[in-house]
Amino acid sequence: MPANTLSKDERLCSRTAIEELFNGGSHRSMTVFPLRAVYVIRKRYADEQTLQMLVSVPKKCFKRAVKRNRVKRQVREAFRMAKQPLAELLTDRDETLDVAFIWLDSNLHPSEEVRAKVEKLLRRIGERL
């Protein structure tokens, strides 16, 4: 499988997994403005992805769906480009990571800035492993 893709398996869409991420007692979070990352690390099962992600942009931040979709596209692209070192670390440790990126600002940011922030968040998560 190519390294720089974001397949359907890498997107967190299971309702139970999302509830476990936000309501479970073992989740952690960190913030690098304008993003907050909420994540949970757990043991990996046989055919499970090592890394799954979710992007949330509240309607409170952007009333227009066009702007919300733009921010989600920026975050997904940044994650796609920066995920490889963290995925290799998780594979070696036989763990899986579910992470949700939540947008906090009501302003749009350039793609390079968003990419730098996502990389910083993923690097900090990797350091905590």
Protein backbone atom coordinates (compact mmCIF):
# COMPACT_ATOMS: atom_id res chain seq x y z
CA MET A 1 0.00 0.00 0.00
CA PRO A 2 1.40 3.45 -0.85
CA ALA A 3 2.49 5.50 2.13
CA ASN A 4 0.85 8.80 1.19
CA THR A 5 -2.80 7.83 0.90
CA LEU A 6 -5.78 8.30 3.17
CA SER A 7 -8.04 5.32 2.68
CA LYS A 8 -11.50 4.72 4.06
CA ASP A 9 -10.01 2.35 6.65
CA GLU A 10 -7.96 5.21 8.07
CA ARG A 11 -11.00 7.37 8.75
CA LEU A 12 -12.70 7.03 12.09
CA CYS A 13 -16.39 6.56 11.35
CA SER A 14 -17.65 3.90 13.78
CA ARG A 15 -20.09 5.39 16.28
CA THR A 16 -18.82 3.15 19.08
CA ALA A 17 -15.19 4.07 18.38
CA ILE A 18 -16.05 7.79 18.38
CA GLU A 19 -17.97 7.47 21.64
CA GLU A 20 -15.05 5.58 23.17
CA LEU A 21 -12.70 8.33 22.00
CA PHE A 22 -14.67 11.18 23.58
CA ASN A 23 -16.42 9.49 26.50
CA GLY A 24 -13.84 6.88 27.49
CA GLY A 25 -11.68 7.59 30.50
CA SER A 26 -8.37 6.94 28.75
CA HIS A 27 -8.46 9.72 26.15
CA ARG A 28 -5.94 12.55 26.12
CA SER A 29 -5.87 15.87 24.33
CA MET A 30 -3.45 18.58 23.36
CA THR A 31 -3.82 21.90 21.61
CA VAL A 32 -1.73 23.69 19.02
CA PHE A 33 -3.86 26.65 18.01
CA PRO A 34 -6.04 26.50 15.85
CA LEU A 35 -6.34 22.71 16.35
CA ARG A 36 -7.04 20.42 19.27
CA ALA A 37 -6.21 16.73 19.01
CA VAL A 38 -8.15 14.25 21.15
CA TYR A 39 -6.64 10.79 20.99
CA VAL A 40 -6.69 7.35 22.55
CA ILE A 41 -4.04 4.62 22.27
CA ARG A 42 -5.09 0.99 22.55
CA LYS A 43 -3.91 -2.52 21.71
CA ARG A 44 -4.12 -3.49 18.06
CA TYR A 45 -6.21 -6.42 16.87
CA ALA A 46 -5.45 -8.65 13.87
CA ASP A 47 -6.66 -6.72 10.79
CA GLU A 48 -7.11 -3.30 12.38
CA GLN A 49 -5.58 -0.09 11.03
CA THR A 50 -2.79 1.38 13.16
CA LEU A 51 -3.98 4.95 12.71
CA GLN A 52 -7.51 6.33 12.33
CA MET A 53 -8.51 9.99 12.21
CA LEU A 54 -11.55 12.23 12.36
CA VAL A 55 -11.87 15.95 11.57
CA SER A 56 -14.48 18.16 13.16
CA VAL A 57 -15.12 21.80 12.27
CA PRO A 58 -18.00 23.23 14.33
CA LYS A 59 -20.71 25.27 12.69
CA LYS A 60 -20.09 27.79 15.45
CA CYS A 61 -16.72 28.59 13.80
CA PHE A 62 -17.90 28.76 10.18
CA LYS A 63 -21.54 29.16 9.24
CA ARG A 64 -20.89 28.39 5.56
CA ALA A 65 -20.30 24.75 4.64
CA VAL A 66 -17.81 25.79 1.95
CA LYS A 67 -15.41 27.13 4.58
CA ARG A 68 -15.91 24.14 6.89
CA ASN A 69 -15.18 21.77 4.01
CA ARG A 70 -12.06 23.72 3.07
CA VAL A 71 -10.67 23.43 6.60
CA LYS A 72 -11.46 19.71 6.71
CA ARG A 73 -9.68 19.23 3.37
CA GLN A 74 -6.63 21.10 4.67
CA VAL A 75 -6.43 19.01 7.86
CA ARG A 76 -6.91 15.71 6.01
CA GLU A 77 -4.18 16.60 3.51
CA ALA A 78 -1.78 17.63 6.28
CA PHE A 79 -2.47 14.39 8.15
CA ARG A 80 -1.95 12.34 4.98
CA MET A 81 1.47 13.90 4.46
CA ALA A 82 2.64 13.65 8.10
CA LYS A 83 1.28 10.31 9.32
CA GLN A 84 4.02 7.91 8.17
CA PRO A 85 6.54 8.18 11.09
CA LEU A 86 3.77 7.80 13.66
CA ALA A 87 2.23 4.85 11.80
CA GLU A 88 5.59 3.04 11.75
CA LEU A 89 6.06 3.64 15.48
CA LEU A 90 2.59 2.26 16.24
CA THR A 91 3.18 -0.81 14.04
CA ASP A 92 6.39 -1.59 15.92
CA ARG A 93 4.60 -1.31 19.26
CA ASP A 94 1.52 -3.28 18.08
CA GLU A 95 -0.83 -0.45 19.09
CA THR A 96 -3.48 1.60 17.35
CA LEU A 97 -4.23 5.31 17.64
CA ASP A 98 -7.61 6.98 17.16
CA VAL A 99 -7.29 10.74 16.84
CA ALA A 100 -9.85 13.51 16.33
CA PHE A 101 -8.78 16.94 15.12
CA ILE A 102 -11.12 19.72 16.26
CA TRP A 103 -10.88 23.19 14.73
CA LEU A 104 -10.93 26.00 17.32
CA ASP A 105 -10.58 29.26 15.37
CA SER A 106 -13.19 31.21 13.43
CA ASN A 107 -10.65 32.32 10.80
CA LEU A 108 -9.23 30.49 7.81
CA HIS A 109 -5.50 29.71 7.81
CA PRO A 110 -3.09 28.98 4.94
CA SER A 111 -2.49 25.32 4.11
CA GLU A 112 1.20 25.49 5.05
CA GLU A 113 0.32 26.75 8.52
CA VAL A 114 -2.27 24.01 8.99
CA ARG A 115 0.27 21.42 7.81
CA ALA A 116 2.85 22.67 10.32
CA LYS A 117 0.33 22.52 13.17
CA VAL A 118 -0.81 18.97 12.32
CA GLU A 119 2.82 17.83 12.07
CA LYS A 120 3.56 19.37 15.46
CA LEU A 121 0.55 17.65 17.04
CA LEU A 122 1.49 14.25 15.57
CA ARG A 123 5.11 14.69 16.68
CA ARG A 124 3.98 15.50 20.23
CA ILE A 125 1.68 12.47 20.28
CA GLY A 126 4.60 10.31 19.11
CA GLU A 127 6.77 11.67 21.92
CA ARG A 128 4.15 10.72 24.50
CA LEU A 129 4.17 7.12 23.29
